[in-house]
Amino acid sequence: MKKRLQNTMKKYAVLLCIGLAYFIWVFFTGWSIPCVIHLLTGYQCPACGITRMMVALLSGQFLEAYSYNPFLFFNLPIILFCIGYADWYYLKTGKRITNKLSVVLWLEGFFLVVFGIVRNI
């Protein structure tokens, strides 16, 4: 269990550091990673606006955050909960979870794609 905890904490620490560094970079420079799909096609991908949404959320501007990506504004907490719960289950049992939680994540992915199509109509 100790090794699983160390590996999980390392994963979250790396993700947190990368996310924080990216947030600081975008917040102070205004430069972010451009969406390749939008550059090539002119259409917004399902995740377009997520960087602006996160910067707005972390700045306390909730209505602005919602306007950038309404689907992820409401569903990102669900997705993060599922991932966190799966990691907690792995820490507790040593097994990867493959039941209803996986179905929820697959459904979230499906509806994210649907959102990406609908937002471009």
Protein backbone atom coordinates (compact mmCIF):
# COMPACT_ATOMS: atom_id res chain seq x y z
CA MET A 1 0.00 0.00 0.00
CA LYS A 2 2.84 2.39 0.80
CA LYS A 3 4.30 2.03 -2.71
CA ARG A 4 0.86 2.60 -4.29
CA LEU A 5 0.40 5.71 -2.17
CA GLN A 6 3.83 7.06 -3.14
CA ASN A 7 3.19 6.47 -6.84
CA THR A 8 -0.25 8.05 -6.68
CA MET A 9 1.02 11.07 -4.77
CA LYS A 10 3.86 11.51 -7.28
CA LYS A 11 1.34 11.45 -10.12
CA TYR A 12 -0.83 14.10 -8.48
CA ALA A 13 2.18 16.23 -7.53
CA VAL A 14 3.47 16.23 -11.11
CA LEU A 15 0.03 17.05 -12.53
CA LEU A 16 -0.45 19.82 -9.97
CA CYS A 17 2.96 21.35 -10.72
CA ILE A 18 2.39 21.24 -14.48
CA GLY A 19 -1.10 22.68 -14.09
CA LEU A 20 0.05 25.43 -11.75
CA ALA A 21 2.99 26.36 -13.99
CA TYR A 22 0.69 26.48 -17.03
CA PHE A 23 -1.88 28.57 -15.13
CA ILE A 24 0.78 31.07 -14.06
CA TRP A 25 2.16 31.22 -17.61
CA VAL A 26 -1.26 31.83 -19.17
CA PHE A 27 -2.38 34.24 -16.44
CA PHE A 28 0.65 36.50 -16.78
CA THR A 29 1.40 36.21 -20.50
CA GLY A 30 -2.01 35.52 -22.02
CA TRP A 31 -0.39 32.89 -24.23
CA SER A 32 -1.82 29.39 -24.22
CA ILE A 33 -1.50 26.22 -26.25
CA PRO A 34 -3.67 26.67 -29.35
CA CYS A 35 -6.23 24.03 -30.31
CA VAL A 36 -4.91 22.13 -33.33
CA ILE A 37 -8.44 21.12 -34.40
CA HIS A 38 -9.58 24.75 -34.36
CA LEU A 39 -6.47 25.89 -36.25
CA LEU A 40 -6.93 23.24 -38.96
CA THR A 41 -10.72 23.23 -39.34
CA GLY A 42 -12.06 26.43 -37.81
CA TYR A 43 -14.39 24.34 -35.65
CA GLN A 44 -14.25 24.23 -31.87
CA CYS A 45 -13.28 20.86 -30.43
CA PRO A 46 -15.11 19.58 -27.33
CA ALA A 47 -12.32 20.90 -25.08
CA CYS A 48 -11.95 24.32 -26.72
CA GLY A 49 -12.06 26.99 -24.06
CA ILE A 50 -10.90 24.78 -21.19
CA THR A 51 -7.77 26.85 -20.53
CA ARG A 52 -9.76 30.09 -20.47
CA MET A 53 -12.41 28.36 -18.34
CA MET A 54 -9.85 27.20 -15.77
CA VAL A 55 -8.16 30.63 -15.61
CA ALA A 56 -11.57 32.25 -15.11
CA LEU A 57 -12.53 29.68 -12.44
CA LEU A 58 -9.29 30.19 -10.56
CA SER A 59 -9.87 33.94 -10.78
CA GLY A 60 -13.38 33.56 -9.33
CA GLN A 61 -15.17 34.58 -12.55
CA PHE A 62 -17.75 31.79 -12.70
CA LEU A 63 -20.10 33.20 -15.37
CA GLU A 64 -17.16 33.87 -17.66
CA ALA A 65 -15.84 30.36 -17.03
CA TYR A 66 -19.25 28.91 -17.92
CA SER A 67 -19.29 30.84 -21.20
CA TYR A 68 -16.02 29.29 -22.38
CA ASN A 69 -17.07 25.64 -22.06
CA PRO A 70 -20.49 24.99 -20.47
CA PHE A 71 -20.23 21.20 -20.69
CA LEU A 72 -16.93 20.91 -18.85
CA PHE A 73 -17.94 23.65 -16.41
CA PHE A 74 -20.57 21.29 -15.00
CA ASN A 75 -19.04 17.91 -15.82
CA LEU A 76 -15.39 18.40 -14.88
CA PRO A 77 -16.19 17.93 -11.16
CA ILE A 78 -17.90 14.62 -12.00
CA ILE A 79 -14.95 13.49 -14.09
CA LEU A 80 -12.43 14.48 -11.41
CA PHE A 81 -14.50 12.74 -8.73
CA CYS A 82 -14.54 9.51 -10.77
CA ILE A 83 -10.78 9.64 -11.33
CA GLY A 84 -10.15 10.45 -7.66
CA TYR A 85 -12.45 7.67 -6.50
CA ALA A 86 -10.76 5.21 -8.84
CA ASP A 87 -7.37 6.16 -7.38
CA TRP A 88 -8.71 5.88 -3.82
CA TYR A 89 -10.11 2.43 -4.63
CA TYR A 90 -6.75 1.41 -6.10
CA LEU A 91 -4.94 2.63 -2.98
CA LYS A 92 -7.33 0.77 -0.72
CA THR A 93 -7.53 -2.56 -2.60
CA GLY A 94 -4.64 -2.63 -5.05
CA LYS A 95 -7.12 -3.28 -7.87
CA ARG A 96 -8.22 -1.04 -10.69
CA ILE A 97 -11.91 -0.29 -10.71
CA THR A 98 -13.74 -1.48 -13.83
CA ASN A 99 -17.43 -1.25 -13.04
CA LYS A 100 -20.03 1.53 -13.03
CA LEU A 101 -17.37 4.20 -12.63
CA SER A 102 -15.86 3.24 -15.96
CA VAL A 103 -19.31 3.44 -17.54
CA VAL A 104 -19.73 6.97 -16.15
CA LEU A 105 -16.38 8.03 -17.62
CA TRP A 106 -17.22 6.50 -21.01
CA LEU A 107 -20.59 8.29 -20.96
CA GLU A 108 -18.88 11.56 -20.07
CA GLY A 109 -16.56 11.06 -23.04
CA PHE A 110 -19.48 10.28 -25.35
CA PHE A 111 -21.45 13.34 -24.23
CA LEU A 112 -18.33 15.48 -24.55
CA VAL A 113 -18.08 14.47 -28.22
CA VAL A 114 -21.81 15.17 -28.69
CA PHE A 115 -21.30 18.60 -27.08
CA GLY A 116 -18.40 19.24 -29.48
CA ILE A 117 -20.65 18.49 -32.46
CA VAL A 118 -23.62 20.50 -31.18
CA ARG A 119 -21.54 23.56 -30.32
CA ASN A 120 -20.47 23.82 -33.96
CA ILE A 121 -23.93 23.57 -35.51
